[in-house]
């Protein structure tokens, strides 16, 4: 199936909802804060965004935690590789 044949079977509303979810997930994964994502999606309150995309925010937080842990890793293993 092609993209056009798939979208022909779906309502245009579903296509835009799917694009909105992709857009929001991409923004969150790039570190954009919840307020900015909420505004970009046109949500009137941030809690709408955070409740819908809670799992994406959690994944982004874990990614951020891994990044800082890597930066602060002063173990002897890391020093040997430097």
Protein backbone atom coordinates (compact mmCIF):
# COMPACT_ATOMS: atom_id res chain seq x y z
CA UNK A 1 0.00 0.00 0.00
CA UNK A 2 1.12 3.51 -0.72
CA UNK A 3 0.78 6.52 1.55
CA UNK A 4 -1.95 7.92 -0.71
CA UNK A 5 -3.96 4.70 -0.65
CA UNK A 6 -3.70 4.53 3.12
CA UNK A 7 -4.76 8.15 3.62
CA UNK A 8 -7.62 7.66 1.15
CA UNK A 9 -9.01 4.99 3.48
CA UNK A 10 -8.62 7.21 6.54
CA UNK A 11 -10.51 10.35 7.26
CA UNK A 12 -8.49 13.54 6.91
CA UNK A 13 -9.06 14.11 10.64
CA UNK A 14 -7.20 10.89 11.47
CA UNK A 15 -4.28 11.89 9.27
CA UNK A 16 -3.98 15.24 11.07
CA UNK A 17 -4.27 13.59 14.49
CA UNK A 18 -1.50 11.14 13.55
CA UNK A 19 0.66 14.03 12.32
CA UNK A 20 -0.05 15.92 15.56
CA UNK A 21 1.13 12.96 17.62
CA UNK A 22 4.29 12.69 15.53
CA UNK A 23 4.89 16.44 15.82
CA UNK A 24 4.42 16.47 19.59
CA UNK A 25 6.61 13.40 20.10
CA UNK A 26 9.38 14.89 17.97
CA UNK A 27 9.31 18.17 19.91
CA UNK A 28 9.39 16.39 23.27
CA UNK A 29 12.24 14.12 22.20
CA UNK A 30 14.23 17.18 21.16
CA UNK A 31 13.87 18.61 24.65
CA UNK A 32 11.18 21.22 24.02
CA UNK A 33 9.42 22.02 27.30
CA UNK A 34 5.82 21.03 27.98
CA UNK A 35 4.50 24.61 27.84
CA UNK A 36 5.93 25.17 24.37
CA UNK A 37 4.65 21.81 23.10
CA UNK A 38 1.22 22.57 24.56
CA UNK A 39 1.14 25.93 22.83
CA UNK A 40 2.28 24.46 19.53
CA UNK A 41 -0.53 21.92 19.66
CA UNK A 42 -3.12 24.53 20.58
CA UNK A 43 -3.98 23.00 23.95
CA UNK A 44 -5.50 25.53 26.32
CA UNK A 45 -3.92 23.91 29.41
CA UNK A 46 -0.58 22.15 29.79
CA UNK A 47 -2.17 19.25 31.67
CA UNK A 48 -3.88 18.16 28.44
CA UNK A 49 -0.50 17.81 26.75
CA UNK A 50 1.23 16.17 29.68
CA UNK A 51 -1.54 13.63 30.18
CA UNK A 52 -1.69 12.65 26.49
CA UNK A 53 2.09 12.52 26.02
CA UNK A 54 3.09 11.36 29.51
CA UNK A 55 4.94 8.32 28.16
CA UNK A 56 6.95 10.47 25.72
CA UNK A 57 7.93 12.92 28.45
CA UNK A 58 9.05 9.98 30.63
CA UNK A 59 11.20 8.61 27.81
CA UNK A 60 12.74 12.04 27.22
CA UNK A 61 13.49 12.40 30.95
CA UNK A 62 15.19 8.99 30.97
CA UNK A 63 17.26 10.04 27.94
CA UNK A 64 18.29 13.24 29.72
CA UNK A 65 19.20 11.25 32.83
CA UNK A 66 21.36 8.90 30.78
CA UNK A 67 23.09 11.86 29.12
CA UNK A 68 24.02 13.54 32.41
CA UNK A 69 25.09 10.22 33.92
CA UNK A 70 27.44 9.76 30.98
CA UNK A 71 28.90 13.25 31.43
CA UNK A 72 29.40 12.73 35.16
CA UNK A 73 30.87 9.23 34.81
CA UNK A 74 34.32 9.59 36.37
CA UNK A 75 34.92 5.86 36.73
CA UNK A 76 38.36 4.41 36.11
CA UNK A 77 36.95 2.58 33.07
CA UNK A 78 36.18 5.88 31.37
CA UNK A 79 39.57 7.41 32.32
CA UNK A 80 41.45 4.50 30.73
CA UNK A 81 39.68 5.11 27.42
CA UNK A 82 40.48 8.81 27.39
